[in-house]
Amino acid sequence: MRFAVLALSLLLACAASSASADEEFPFPELQTEVYCKTLVEKMLDENERATEHTRCLAQEAFLKGQLEPWWPFLDPRTQRMIVKSHYREPKYQTYITLLQYTASAIGDACLSRRIECKNPKAR
């Protein structure tokens, strides 16, 4: 009897983790403030550092807005892998690299026909 209960519990746990693996992973809210601060911290001129920090934050906000609509096109497992593998440390959290990973994943999904993409030269 105990074995049957244990087996049933394991099956339910596997089914639950399998279902959650296929659920969409939320768009990452990256800590771009840390990335931008790290990027400009070695600049000697304080005014230049402040200007470049502000520019970096503006670019990150722009890229975030550009990327967010594309996030649902990625497979949930790919979404999870990108976030968990590449954004552990705040100083590396930038939408610049997320753009590269997202573009690569969408291109791969198009080429393997997992998502429908229009070829501009096809008639």
PDB file of N, CA and C in Angstrom:
ATOM      1  N   MET A   1       0.825  -1.200   0.000  1.00  0.00           N
ATOM      2  CA  MET A   1       0.000   0.000   0.000  1.00  0.00           C
ATOM      3  C   MET A   1       0.868   1.261   0.000  1.00  0.00           C
ATOM      4  N   ARG A   2       1.904   1.257   0.849  1.00  0.00           N
ATOM      5  CA  ARG A   2       2.797   2.411   0.907  1.00  0.00           C
ATOM      6  C   ARG A   2       3.476   2.641  -0.433  1.00  0.00           C
ATOM      7  N   PHE A   3       3.885   1.554  -1.065  1.00  0.00           N
ATOM      8  CA  PHE A   3       4.552   1.662  -2.360  1.00  0.00           C
ATOM      9  C   PHE A   3       3.624   2.286  -3.395  1.00  0.00           C
ATOM     10  N   ALA A   4       2.355   1.901  -3.387  1.00  0.00           N
ATOM     11  CA  ALA A   4       1.387   2.451  -4.339  1.00  0.00           C
ATOM     12  C   ALA A   4       1.204   3.954  -4.111  1.00  0.00           C
ATOM     13  N   VAL A   5       1.133   4.376  -2.854  1.00  0.00           N
ATOM     14  CA  VAL A   5       0.980   5.795  -2.530  1.00  0.00           C
ATOM     15  C   VAL A   5       2.225   6.568  -2.965  1.00  0.00           C
ATOM     16  N   LEU A   6       3.404   5.992  -2.707  1.00  0.00           N
ATOM     17  CA  LEU A   6       4.657   6.630  -3.113  1.00  0.00           C
ATOM     18  C   LEU A   6       4.741   6.751  -4.630  1.00  0.00           C
ATOM     19  N   ALA A   7       4.385   5.681  -5.333  1.00  0.00           N
ATOM     20  CA  ALA A   7       4.418   5.703  -6.798  1.00  0.00           C
ATOM     21  C   ALA A   7       3.441   6.737  -7.345  1.00  0.00           C
ATOM     22  N   LEU A   8       2.254   6.793  -6.785  1.00  0.00           N
ATOM     23  CA  LEU A   8       1.256   7.775  -7.224  1.00  0.00           C
ATOM     24  C   LEU A   8       1.755   9.194  -6.959  1.00  0.00           C
ATOM     25  N   SER A   9       2.376   9.417  -5.802  1.00  0.00           N
ATOM     26  CA  SER A   9       2.919  10.735  -5.485  1.00  0.00           C
ATOM     27  C   SER A   9       3.999  11.143  -6.473  1.00  0.00           C
ATOM     28  N   LEU A  10       4.882  10.200  -6.826  1.00  0.00           N
ATOM     29  CA  LEU A  10       5.932  10.487  -7.794  1.00  0.00           C
ATOM     30  C   LEU A  10       5.360  10.804  -9.166  1.00  0.00           C
ATOM     31  N   LEU A  11       4.346  10.063  -9.583  1.00  0.00           N
ATOM     32  CA  LEU A  11       3.710  10.322 -10.873  1.00  0.00           C
ATOM     33  C   LEU A  11       3.078  11.708 -10.909  1.00  0.00           C
ATOM     34  N   LEU A  12       2.389  12.070  -9.834  1.00  0.00           N
ATOM     35  CA  LEU A  12       1.764  13.391  -9.781  1.00  0.00           C
ATOM     36  C   LEU A  12       2.811  14.499  -9.768  1.00  0.00           C
ATOM     37  N   ALA A  13       3.912  14.286  -9.064  1.00  0.00           N
ATOM     38  CA  ALA A  13       4.980  15.288  -9.040  1.00  0.00           C
ATOM     39  C   ALA A  13       5.602  15.442 -10.415  1.00  0.00           C
ATOM     40  N   CYS A  14       5.823  14.336 -11.116  1.00  0.00           N
ATOM     41  CA  CYS A  14       6.382  14.391 -12.474  1.00  0.00           C
ATOM     42  C   CYS A  14       5.431  15.104 -13.422  1.00  0.00           C
ATOM     43  N   ALA A  15       4.159  14.802 -13.303  1.00  0.00           N
ATOM     44  CA  ALA A  15       3.172  15.441 -14.174  1.00  0.00           C
ATOM     45  C   ALA A  15       3.115  16.942 -13.905  1.00  0.00           C
ATOM     46  N   ALA A  16       3.197  17.327 -12.655  1.00  0.00           N
ATOM     47  CA  ALA A  16       3.158  18.750 -12.306  1.00  0.00           C
ATOM     48  C   ALA A  16       4.398  19.473 -12.815  1.00  0.00           C
ATOM     49  N   SER A  17       5.565  18.864 -12.670  1.00  0.00           N
ATOM     50  CA  SER A  17       6.777  19.536 -13.155  1.00  0.00           C
ATOM     51  C   SER A  17       6.803  19.569 -14.670  1.00  0.00           C
ATOM     52  N   SER A  18       6.252  18.556 -15.327  1.00  0.00           N
ATOM     53  CA  SER A  18       6.181  18.553 -16.788  1.00  0.00           C
ATOM     54  C   SER A  18       5.254  19.652 -17.280  1.00  0.00           C
ATOM     55  N   ALA A  19       4.131  19.828 -16.614  1.00  0.00           N
ATOM     56  CA  ALA A  19       3.191  20.883 -17.010  1.00  0.00           C
ATOM     57  C   ALA A  19       3.808  22.255 -16.805  1.00  0.00           C
ATOM     58  N   SER A  20       4.518  22.440 -15.683  1.00  0.00           N
ATOM     59  CA  SER A  20       5.113  23.756 -15.441  1.00  0.00           C
ATOM     60  C   SER A  20       6.259  24.043 -16.403  1.00  0.00           C
ATOM     61  N   ALA A  21       6.920  22.995 -16.919  1.00  0.00           N
ATOM     62  CA  ALA A  21       8.010  23.198 -17.877  1.00  0.00           C
ATOM     63  C   ALA A  21       7.482  23.731 -19.203  1.00  0.00           C
ATOM     64  N   ASP A  22       6.220  23.447 -19.505  1.00  0.00           N
ATOM     65  CA  ASP A  22       5.636  23.898 -20.760  1.00  0.00           C
ATOM     66  C   ASP A  22       4.906  25.230 -20.629  1.00  0.00           C
ATOM     67  N   GLU A  23       4.801  25.758 -19.416  1.00  0.00           N
ATOM     68  CA  GLU A  23       4.151  27.044 -19.214  1.00  0.00           C
ATOM     69  C   GLU A  23       5.116  28.158 -19.589  1.00  0.00           C
ATOM     70  N   GLU A  24       4.558  29.230 -20.129  1.00  0.00           N
ATOM     71  CA  GLU A  24       5.394  30.361 -20.531  1.00  0.00           C
ATOM     72  C   GLU A  24       6.138  30.932 -19.328  1.00  0.00           C
ATOM     73  N   PHE A  25       7.415  31.170 -19.519  1.00  0.00           N
ATOM     74  CA  PHE A  25       8.258  31.769 -18.489  1.00  0.00           C
ATOM     75  C   PHE A  25       8.107  33.282 -18.620  1.00  0.00           C
ATOM     76  N   PRO A  26       7.919  34.010 -17.533  1.00  0.00           N
ATOM     77  CA  PRO A  26       7.687  35.457 -17.651  1.00  0.00           C
ATOM     78  C   PRO A  26       8.883  36.205 -18.240  1.00  0.00           C
ATOM     79  N   PHE A  27       8.579  37.279 -18.937  1.00  0.00           N
ATOM     80  CA  PHE A  27       9.632  38.121 -19.503  1.00  0.00           C
ATOM     81  C   PHE A  27      10.536  38.606 -18.375  1.00  0.00           C
ATOM     82  N   PRO A  28      11.852  38.498 -18.545  1.00  0.00           N
ATOM     83  CA  PRO A  28      12.748  38.835 -17.441  1.00  0.00           C
ATOM     84  C   PRO A  28      12.831  40.332 -17.150  1.00  0.00           C
ATOM     85  N   GLU A  29      12.726  40.639 -15.883  1.00  0.00           N
ATOM     86  CA  GLU A  29      12.935  42.013 -15.401  1.00  0.00           C
ATOM     87  C   GLU A  29      14.389  42.079 -14.945  1.00  0.00           C
ATOM     88  N   LEU A  30      15.259  42.504 -15.838  1.00  0.00           N
ATOM     89  CA  LEU A  30      16.680  42.507 -15.552  1.00  0.00           C
ATOM     90  C   LEU A  30      17.086  43.708 -14.709  1.00  0.00           C
ATOM     91  N   GLN A  31      18.135  43.540 -13.928  1.00  0.00           N
ATOM     92  CA  GLN A  31      18.664  44.609 -13.081  1.00  0.00           C
ATOM     93  C   GLN A  31      19.680  45.422 -13.882  1.00  0.00           C
ATOM     94  N   THR A  32      19.194  46.153 -14.843  1.00  0.00           N
ATOM     95  CA  THR A  32      20.085  46.873 -15.752  1.00  0.00           C
ATOM     96  C   THR A  32      20.817  48.019 -15.067  1.00  0.00           C
ATOM     97  N   GLU A  33      20.312  48.481 -13.945  1.00  0.00           N
ATOM     98  CA  GLU A  33      20.995  49.534 -13.190  1.00  0.00           C
ATOM     99  C   GLU A  33      22.401  49.072 -12.796  1.00  0.00           C
ATOM    100  N   VAL A  34      22.515  47.841 -12.334  1.00  0.00           N
ATOM    101  CA  VAL A  34      23.819  47.293 -11.924  1.00  0.00           C
ATOM    102  C   VAL A  34      24.727  47.156 -13.139  1.00  0.00           C
ATOM    103  N   TYR A  35      24.182  46.656 -14.253  1.00  0.00           N
ATOM    104  CA  TYR A  35      24.967  46.513 -15.481  1.00  0.00           C
ATOM    105  C   TYR A  35      25.505  47.877 -15.929  1.00  0.00           C
ATOM    106  N   CYS A  36      24.639  48.881 -15.972  1.00  0.00           N
ATOM    107  CA  CYS A  36      25.053  50.204 -16.446  1.00  0.00           C
ATOM    108  C   CYS A  36      26.073  50.838 -15.508  1.00  0.00           C
ATOM    109  N   LYS A  37      25.894  50.647 -14.227  1.00  0.00           N
ATOM    110  CA  LYS A  37      26.853  51.203 -13.267  1.00  0.00           C
ATOM    111  C   LYS A  37      28.218  50.544 -13.450  1.00  0.00           C
ATOM    112  N   THR A  38      28.235  49.223 -13.615  1.00  0.00           N
ATOM    113  CA  THR A  38      29.484  48.495 -13.835  1.00  0.00           C
ATOM    114  C   THR A  38      30.140  48.938 -15.138  1.00  0.00           C
ATOM    115  N   LEU A  39      29.331  49.198 -16.157  1.00  0.00           N
ATOM    116  CA  LEU A  39      29.838  49.593 -17.463  1.00  0.00           C
ATOM    117  C   LEU A  39      30.631  50.892 -17.416  1.00  0.00           C
ATOM    118  N   VAL A  40      30.165  51.850 -16.614  1.00  0.00           N
ATOM    119  CA  VAL A  40      30.779  53.184 -16.619  1.00  0.00           C
ATOM    120  C   VAL A  40      31.646  53.478 -15.391  1.00  0.00           C
ATOM    121  N   GLU A  41      31.775  52.557 -14.478  1.00  0.00           N
ATOM    122  CA  GLU A  41      32.439  52.849 -13.202  1.00  0.00           C
ATOM    123  C   GLU A  41      33.917  53.237 -13.332  1.00  0.00           C
ATOM    124  N   LYS A  42      34.574  52.842 -14.400  1.00  0.00           N
ATOM    125  CA  LYS A  42      35.999  53.158 -14.534  1.00  0.00           C
ATOM    126  C   LYS A  42      36.269  54.459 -15.298  1.00  0.00           C
ATOM    127  N   MET A  43      35.222  55.124 -15.714  1.00  0.00           N
ATOM    128  CA  MET A  43      35.406  56.410 -16.385  1.00  0.00           C
ATOM    129  C   MET A  43      35.867  57.437 -15.361  1.00  0.00           C
ATOM    130  N   LEU A  44      36.880  58.202 -15.726  1.00  0.00           N
ATOM    131  CA  LEU A  44      37.465  59.155 -14.786  1.00  0.00           C
ATOM    132  C   LEU A  44      36.643  60.426 -14.637  1.00  0.00           C
ATOM    133  N   ASP A  45      36.109  60.920 -15.722  1.00  0.00           N
ATOM    134  CA  ASP A  45      35.344  62.169 -15.686  1.00  0.00           C
ATOM    135  C   ASP A  45      33.940  61.880 -15.151  1.00  0.00           C
ATOM    136  N   GLU A  46      33.599  62.534 -14.053  1.00  0.00           N
ATOM    137  CA  GLU A  46      32.319  62.295 -13.398  1.00  0.00           C
ATOM    138  C   GLU A  46      31.118  62.680 -14.274  1.00  0.00           C
ATOM    139  N   ASN A  47      31.222  63.775 -15.009  1.00  0.00           N
ATOM    140  CA  ASN A  47      30.131  64.197 -15.892  1.00  0.00           C
ATOM    141  C   ASN A  47      29.926  63.189 -17.022  1.00  0.00           C
ATOM    142  N   GLU A  48      31.028  62.718 -17.589  1.00  0.00           N
ATOM    143  CA  GLU A  48      30.933  61.723 -18.659  1.00  0.00           C
ATOM    144  C   GLU A  48      30.324  60.426 -18.118  1.00  0.00           C
ATOM    145  N   ARG A  49      30.722  60.038 -16.916  1.00  0.00           N
ATOM    146  CA  ARG A  49      30.180  58.830 -16.286  1.00  0.00           C
ATOM    147  C   ARG A  49      28.671  58.958 -16.104  1.00  0.00           C
ATOM    148  N   ALA A  50      28.223  60.099 -15.630  1.00  0.00           N
ATOM    149  CA  ALA A  50      26.784  60.320 -15.418  1.00  0.00           C
ATOM    150  C   ALA A  50      26.022  60.307 -16.744  1.00  0.00           C
ATOM    151  N   THR A  51      26.596  60.950 -17.762  1.00  0.00           N
ATOM    152  CA  THR A  51      25.957  60.988 -19.085  1.00  0.00           C
ATOM    153  C   THR A  51      25.842  59.584 -19.679  1.00  0.00           C
ATOM    154  N   GLU A  52      26.935  58.839 -19.614  1.00  0.00           N
ATOM    155  CA  GLU A  52      26.928  57.482 -20.190  1.00  0.00           C
ATOM    156  C   GLU A  52      26.035  56.530 -19.395  1.00  0.00           C
ATOM    157  N   HIS A  53      25.966  56.727 -18.093  1.00  0.00           N
ATOM    158  CA  HIS A  53      25.077  55.899 -17.270  1.00  0.00           C
ATOM    159  C   HIS A  53      23.626  56.138 -17.662  1.00  0.00           C
ATOM    160  N   THR A  54      23.261  57.403 -17.822  1.00  0.00           N
ATOM    161  CA  THR A  54      21.901  57.754 -18.243  1.00  0.00           C
ATOM    162  C   THR A  54      21.611  57.201 -19.640  1.00  0.00           C
ATOM    163  N   ARG A  55      22.571  57.313 -20.531  1.00  0.00           N
ATOM    164  CA  ARG A  55      22.423  56.784 -21.898  1.00  0.00           C
ATOM    165  C   ARG A  55      22.240  55.260 -21.871  1.00  0.00           C
ATOM    166  N   CYS A  56      23.016  54.593 -21.053  1.00  0.00           N
ATOM    167  CA  CYS A  56      22.912  53.134 -20.928  1.00  0.00           C
ATOM    168  C   CYS A  56      21.524  52.734 -20.431  1.00  0.00           C
ATOM    169  N   LEU A  57      21.029  53.400 -19.400  1.00  0.00           N
ATOM    170  CA  LEU A  57      19.696  53.086 -18.869  1.00  0.00           C
ATOM    171  C   LEU A  57      18.599  53.335 -19.913  1.00  0.00           C
ATOM    172  N   ALA A  58      18.745  54.403 -20.684  1.00  0.00           N
ATOM    173  CA  ALA A  58      17.765  54.701 -21.737  1.00  0.00           C
ATOM    174  C   ALA A  58      17.790  53.624 -22.816  1.00  0.00           C
ATOM    175  N   GLN A  59      18.988  53.187 -23.199  1.00  0.00           N
ATOM    176  CA  GLN A  59      19.105  52.129 -24.208  1.00  0.00           C
ATOM    177  C   GLN A  59      18.503  50.825 -23.690  1.00  0.00           C
ATOM    178  N   GLU A  60      18.747  50.516 -22.435  1.00  0.00           N
ATOM    179  CA  GLU A  60      18.193  49.295 -21.849  1.00  0.00           C
ATOM    180  C   GLU A  60      16.654  49.353 -21.824  1.00  0.00           C
ATOM    181  N   ALA A  61      16.109  50.485 -21.451  1.00  0.00           N
ATOM    182  CA  ALA A  61      14.649  50.636 -21.429  1.00  0.00           C
ATOM    183  C   ALA A  61      14.066  50.495 -22.836  1.00  0.00           C
ATOM    184  N   PHE A  62      14.739  51.074 -23.831  1.00  0.00           N
ATOM    185  CA  PHE A  62      14.300  50.967 -25.215  1.00  0.00           C
ATOM    186  C   PHE A  62      14.323  49.502 -25.677  1.00  0.00           C
ATOM    187  N   LEU A  63      15.432  48.808 -25.411  1.00  0.00           N
ATOM    188  CA  LEU A  63      15.548  47.402 -25.819  1.00  0.00           C
ATOM    189  C   LEU A  63      14.521  46.523 -25.119  1.00  0.00           C
ATOM    190  N   LYS A  64      14.266  46.802 -23.863  1.00  0.00           N
ATOM    191  CA  LYS A  64      13.247  46.038 -23.136  1.00  0.00           C
ATOM    192  C   LYS A  64      11.895  46.170 -23.831  1.00  0.00           C
ATOM    193  N   GLY A  65      11.539  47.396 -24.206  1.00  0.00           N
ATOM    194  CA  GLY A  65      10.277  47.627 -24.913  1.00  0.00           C
ATOM    195  C   GLY A  65      10.228  46.950 -26.269  1.00  0.00           C
ATOM    196  N   GLN A  66      11.366  46.887 -26.943  1.00  0.00           N
ATOM    197  CA  GLN A  66      11.429  46.231 -28.248  1.00  0.00           C
ATOM    198  C   GLN A  66      11.336  44.713 -28.126  1.00  0.00           C
ATOM    199  N   LEU A  67      11.917  44.150 -27.085  1.00  0.00           N
ATOM    200  CA  LEU A  67      12.000  42.697 -26.936  1.00  0.00           C
ATOM    201  C   LEU A  67      10.749  42.048 -26.359  1.00  0.00           C
ATOM    202  N   GLU A  68      10.102  42.710 -25.453  1.00  0.00           N
ATOM    203  CA  GLU A  68       8.993  42.098 -24.726  1.00  0.00           C
ATOM    204  C   GLU A  68       7.914  41.498 -25.638  1.00  0.00           C
ATOM    205  N   PRO A  69       7.522  42.156 -26.739  1.00  0.00           N
ATOM    206  CA  PRO A  69       6.499  41.549 -27.607  1.00  0.00           C
ATOM    207  C   PRO A  69       6.965  40.253 -28.295  1.00  0.00           C
ATOM    208  N   TRP A  70       8.277  40.056 -28.407  1.00  0.00           N
ATOM    209  CA  TRP A  70       8.806  38.866 -29.077  1.00  0.00           C
ATOM    210  C   TRP A  70       8.958  37.676 -28.137  1.00  0.00           C
ATOM    211  N   TRP A  71       8.967  37.914 -26.840  1.00  0.00           N
ATOM    212  CA  TRP A  71       9.201  36.867 -25.849  1.00  0.00           C
ATOM    213  C   TRP A  71       8.235  35.685 -25.986  1.00  0.00           C
ATOM    214  N   PRO A  72       6.939  35.897 -26.213  1.00  0.00           N
ATOM    215  CA  PRO A  72       6.020  34.755 -26.332  1.00  0.00           C
ATOM    216  C   PRO A  72       6.306  33.833 -27.520  1.00  0.00           C
ATOM    217  N   PHE A  73       7.070  34.291 -28.504  1.00  0.00           N
ATOM    218  CA  PHE A  73       7.387  33.438 -29.643  1.00  0.00           C
ATOM    219  C   PHE A  73       8.415  32.368 -29.297  1.00  0.00           C
ATOM    220  N   LEU A  74       9.083  32.536 -28.173  1.00  0.00           N
ATOM    221  CA  LEU A  74      10.074  31.547 -27.759  1.00  0.00           C
ATOM    222  C   LEU A  74       9.398  30.386 -27.049  1.00  0.00           C
ATOM    223  N   ASP A  75       9.939  29.219 -27.240  1.00  0.00           N
ATOM    224  CA  ASP A  75       9.489  28.033 -26.532  1.00  0.00           C
ATOM    225  C   ASP A  75       9.712  28.253 -25.032  1.00  0.00           C
ATOM    226  N   PRO A  76       8.774  27.853 -24.176  1.00  0.00           N
ATOM    227  CA  PRO A  76       8.943  28.065 -22.737  1.00  0.00           C
ATOM    228  C   PRO A  76      10.244  27.478 -22.175  1.00  0.00           C
ATOM    229  N   ARG A  77      10.662  26.360 -22.697  1.00  0.00           N
ATOM    230  CA  ARG A  77      11.930  25.774 -22.221  1.00  0.00           C
ATOM    231  C   ARG A  77      13.110  26.666 -22.608  1.00  0.00           C
ATOM    232  N   THR A  78      13.045  27.258 -23.792  1.00  0.00           N
ATOM    233  CA  THR A  78      14.099  28.175 -24.229  1.00  0.00           C
ATOM    234  C   THR A  78      14.088  29.426 -23.364  1.00  0.00           C
ATOM    235  N   GLN A  79      12.904  29.948 -23.068  1.00  0.00           N
ATOM    236  CA  GLN A  79      12.787  31.119 -22.193  1.00  0.00           C
ATOM    237  C   GLN A  79      13.462  30.845 -20.852  1.00  0.00           C
ATOM    238  N   ARG A  80      13.106  29.716 -20.270  1.00  0.00           N
ATOM    239  CA  ARG A  80      13.641  29.343 -18.961  1.00  0.00           C
ATOM    240  C   ARG A  80      15.162  29.178 -19.021  1.00  0.00           C
ATOM    241  N   MET A  81      15.657  28.505 -20.054  1.00  0.00           N
ATOM    242  CA  MET A  81      17.085  28.258 -20.196  1.00  0.00           C
ATOM    243  C   MET A  81      17.848  29.573 -20.331  1.00  0.00           C
ATOM    244  N   ILE A  82      17.347  30.500 -21.124  1.00  0.00           N
ATOM    245  CA  ILE A  82      18.016  31.783 -21.318  1.00  0.00           C
ATOM    246  C   ILE A  82      18.149  32.518 -19.985  1.00  0.00           C
ATOM    247  N   VAL A  83      17.063  32.611 -19.255  1.00  0.00           N
ATOM    248  CA  VAL A  83      17.075  33.374 -18.007  1.00  0.00           C
ATOM    249  C   VAL A  83      17.918  32.682 -16.939  1.00  0.00           C
ATOM    250  N   LYS A  84      17.741  31.401 -16.769  1.00  0.00           N
ATOM    251  CA  LYS A  84      18.454  30.693 -15.693  1.00  0.00           C
ATOM    252  C   LYS A  84      19.939  30.524 -16.001  1.00  0.00           C
ATOM    253  N   SER A  85      20.307  30.413 -17.264  1.00  0.00           N
ATOM    254  CA  SER A  85      21.708  30.192 -17.623  1.00  0.00           C
ATOM    255  C   SER A  85      22.519  31.475 -17.718  1.00  0.00           C
ATOM    256  N   HIS A  86      21.907  32.559 -18.123  1.00  0.00           N
ATOM    257  CA  HIS A  86      22.675  33.750 -18.475  1.00  0.00           C
ATOM    258  C   HIS A  86      22.505  34.945 -17.543  1.00  0.00           C
ATOM    259  N   TYR A  87      21.567  34.906 -16.632  1.00  0.00           N
ATOM    260  CA  TYR A  87      21.298  36.102 -15.835  1.00  0.00           C
ATOM    261  C   TYR A  87      21.368  35.848 -14.340  1.00  0.00           C
ATOM    262  N   ARG A  88      22.372  35.093 -13.928  1.00  0.00           N
ATOM    263  CA  ARG A  88      22.546  34.821 -12.498  1.00  0.00           C
ATOM    264  C   ARG A  88      23.123  36.021 -11.764  1.00  0.00           C
ATOM    265  N   GLU A  89      24.112  36.674 -12.346  1.00  0.00           N
ATOM    266  CA  GLU A  89      24.763  37.811 -11.695  1.00  0.00           C
ATOM    267  C   GLU A  89      24.206  39.127 -12.242  1.00  0.00           C
ATOM    268  N   PRO A  90      23.832  40.040 -11.345  1.00  0.00           N
ATOM    269  CA  PRO A  90      23.248  41.311 -11.799  1.00  0.00           C
ATOM    270  C   PRO A  90      24.136  42.112 -12.756  1.00  0.00           C
ATOM    271  N   LYS A  91      25.450  42.052 -12.593  1.00  0.00           N
ATOM    272  CA  LYS A  91      26.307  42.872 -13.461  1.00  0.00           C
ATOM    273  C   LYS A  91      26.287  42.414 -14.913  1.00  0.00           C
ATOM    274  N   TYR A  92      25.730  41.234 -15.186  1.00  0.00           N
ATOM    275  CA  TYR A  92      25.620  40.752 -16.561  1.00  0.00           C
ATOM    276  C   TYR A  92      24.197  40.851 -17.108  1.00  0.00           C
ATOM    277  N   GLN A  93      23.309  41.448 -16.347  1.00  0.00           N
ATOM    278  CA  GLN A  93      21.913  41.527 -16.773  1.00  0.00           C
ATOM    279  C   GLN A  93      21.710  42.734 -17.670  1.00  0.00           C
ATOM    280  N   THR A  94      21.657  42.459 -18.967  1.00  0.00           N
ATOM    281  CA  THR A  94      21.458  43.513 -19.953  1.00  0.00           C
ATOM    282  C   THR A  94      20.542  43.005 -21.056  1.00  0.00           C
ATOM    283  N   TYR A  95      19.683  43.896 -21.542  1.00  0.00           N
ATOM    284  CA  TYR A  95      18.795  43.523 -22.641  1.00  0.00           C
ATOM    285  C   TYR A  95      19.541  43.433 -23.968  1.00  0.00           C
ATOM    286  N   ILE A  96      20.781  43.915 -23.999  1.00  0.00           N
ATOM    287  CA  ILE A  96      21.588  43.772 -25.215  1.00  0.00           C
ATOM    288  C   ILE A  96      21.834  42.292 -25.506  1.00  0.00           C
ATOM    289  N   THR A  97      22.249  41.547 -24.483  1.00  0.00           N
ATOM    290  CA  THR A  97      22.481  40.111 -24.704  1.00  0.00           C
ATOM    291  C   THR A  97      21.167  39.359 -24.852  1.00  0.00           C
ATOM    292  N   LEU A  98      20.116  39.798 -24.139  1.00  0.00           N
ATOM    293  CA  LEU A  98      18.820  39.137 -24.309  1.00  0.00           C
ATOM    294  C   LEU A  98      18.333  39.282 -25.745  1.00  0.00           C
ATOM    295  N   LEU A  99      18.613  40.421 -26.362  1.00  0.00           N
ATOM    296  CA  LEU A  99      18.269  40.621 -27.771  1.00  0.00           C
ATOM    297  C   LEU A  99      18.956  39.563 -28.639  1.00  0.00           C
ATOM    298  N   GLN A 100      20.224  39.315 -28.381  1.00  0.00           N
ATOM    299  CA  GLN A 100      20.961  38.323 -29.173  1.00  0.00           C
ATOM    300  C   GLN A 100      20.401  36.917 -28.979  1.00  0.00           C
ATOM    301  N   TYR A 101      20.138  36.540 -27.728  1.00  0.00           N
ATOM    302  CA  TYR A 101      19.595  35.204 -27.460  1.00  0.00           C
ATOM    303  C   TYR A 101      18.200  35.044 -28.060  1.00  0.00           C
ATOM    304  N   THR A 102      17.383  36.082 -27.937  1.00  0.00           N
ATOM    305  CA  THR A 102      16.018  36.033 -28.463  1.00  0.00           C
ATOM    306  C   THR A 102      16.022  35.947 -29.987  1.00  0.00           C
ATOM    307  N   ALA A 103      16.830  36.776 -30.635  1.00  0.00           N
ATOM    308  CA  ALA A 103      16.910  36.751 -32.101  1.00  0.00           C
ATOM    309  C   ALA A 103      17.395  35.391 -32.592  1.00  0.00           C
ATOM    310  N   SER A 104      18.374  34.843 -31.921  1.00  0.00           N
ATOM    311  CA  SER A 104      18.901  33.535 -32.301  1.00  0.00           C
ATOM    312  C   SER A 104      17.838  32.442 -32.133  1.00  0.00           C
ATOM    313  N   ALA A 105      17.132  32.461 -31.018  1.00  0.00           N
ATOM    314  CA  ALA A 105      16.106  31.442 -30.759  1.00  0.00           C
ATOM    315  C   ALA A 105      14.940  31.555 -31.743  1.00  0.00           C
ATOM    316  N   ILE A 106      14.529  32.784 -32.056  1.00  0.00           N
ATOM    317  CA  ILE A 106      13.434  32.963 -33.016  1.00  0.00           C
ATOM    318  C   ILE A 106      13.890  32.549 -34.411  1.00  0.00           C
ATOM    319  N   GLY A 107      15.098  32.915 -34.791  1.00  0.00           N
ATOM    320  CA  GLY A 107      15.625  32.496 -36.088  1.00  0.00           C
ATOM    321  C   GLY A 107      15.698  30.992 -36.206  1.00  0.00           C
ATOM    322  N   ASP A 108      16.155  30.329 -35.149  1.00  0.00           N
ATOM    323  CA  ASP A 108      16.219  28.870 -35.143  1.00  0.00           C
ATOM    324  C   ASP A 108      14.822  28.260 -35.252  1.00  0.00           C
ATOM    325  N   ALA A 109      13.855  28.826 -34.534  1.00  0.00           N
ATOM    326  CA  ALA A 109      12.476  28.320 -34.594  1.00  0.00           C
ATOM    327  C   ALA A 109      11.884  28.523 -35.991  1.00  0.00           C
ATOM    328  N   CYS A 110      12.224  29.625 -36.653  1.00  0.00           N
ATOM    329  CA  CYS A 110      11.755  29.860 -38.027  1.00  0.00           C
ATOM    330  C   CYS A 110      12.350  28.834 -38.990  1.00  0.00           C
ATOM    331  N   LEU A 111      13.659  28.663 -38.898  1.00  0.00           N
ATOM    332  CA  LEU A 111      14.335  27.751 -39.818  1.00  0.00           C
ATOM    333  C   LEU A 111      13.900  26.300 -39.629  1.00  0.00           C
ATOM    334  N   SER A 112      13.597  25.929 -38.397  1.00  0.00           N
ATOM    335  CA  SER A 112      13.149  24.553 -38.145  1.00  0.00           C
ATOM    336  C   SER A 112      11.630  24.425 -38.249  1.00  0.00           C
ATOM    337  N   ARG A 113      10.977  25.519 -38.633  1.00  0.00           N
ATOM    338  CA  ARG A 113       9.529  25.583 -38.867  1.00  0.00           C
ATOM    339  C   ARG A 113       8.681  25.265 -37.631  1.00  0.00           C
ATOM    340  N   ARG A 114       9.225  25.577 -36.444  1.00  0.00           N
ATOM    341  CA  ARG A 114       8.427  25.445 -35.223  1.00  0.00           C
ATOM    342  C   ARG A 114       7.480  26.625 -35.073  1.00  0.00           C
ATOM    343  N   ILE A 115       7.837  27.761 -35.714  1.00  0.00           N
ATOM    344  CA  ILE A 115       6.926  28.896 -35.804  1.00  0.00           C
ATOM    345  C   ILE A 115       6.860  29.314 -37.265  1.00  0.00           C
ATOM    346  N   GLU A 116       5.768  29.938 -37.630  1.00  0.00           N
ATOM    347  CA  GLU A 116       5.547  30.361 -39.010  1.00  0.00           C
ATOM    348  C   GLU A 116       6.230  31.687 -39.258  1.00  0.00           C
ATOM    349  N   CYS A 117       7.131  31.708 -40.237  1.00  0.00           N
ATOM    350  CA  CYS A 117       7.826  32.936 -40.601  1.00  0.00           C
ATOM    351  C   CYS A 117       7.707  33.147 -42.102  1.00  0.00           C
ATOM    352  N   LYS A 118       7.530  34.382 -42.497  1.00  0.00           N
ATOM    353  CA  LYS A 118       7.360  34.684 -43.912  1.00  0.00           C
ATOM    354  C   LYS A 118       8.723  34.960 -44.528  1.00  0.00           C
ATOM    355  N   ASN A 119       8.990  34.290 -45.625  1.00  0.00           N
ATOM    356  CA  ASN A 119      10.214  34.519 -46.387  1.00  0.00           C
ATOM    357  C   ASN A 119       9.930  35.645 -47.366  1.00  0.00           C
ATOM    358  N   PRO A 120      10.651  36.768 -47.296  1.00  0.00           N
ATOM    359  CA  PRO A 120      10.339  37.913 -48.164  1.00  0.00           C
ATOM    360  C   PRO A 120      10.564  37.599 -49.655  1.00  0.00           C
ATOM    361  N   LYS A 121      11.364  36.592 -49.972  1.00  0.00           N
ATOM    362  CA  LYS A 121      11.611  36.258 -51.375  1.00  0.00           C
ATOM    363  C   LYS A 121      10.667  35.180 -51.891  1.00  0.00           C
ATOM    364  N   ALA A 122       9.913  34.553 -50.990  1.00  0.00           N
ATOM    365  CA  ALA A 122       8.974  33.518 -51.426  1.00  0.00           C
ATOM    366  C   ALA A 122       7.728  34.168 -52.031  1.00  0.00           C
ATOM    367  N   ARG A 123       7.197  33.549 -53.032  1.00  0.00           N
ATOM    368  CA  ARG A 123       5.987  34.087 -53.679  1.00  0.00           C
ATOM    369  C   ARG A 123       4.854  33.137 -53.559  1.00  0.00           C
TER     370      ARG A 123
END
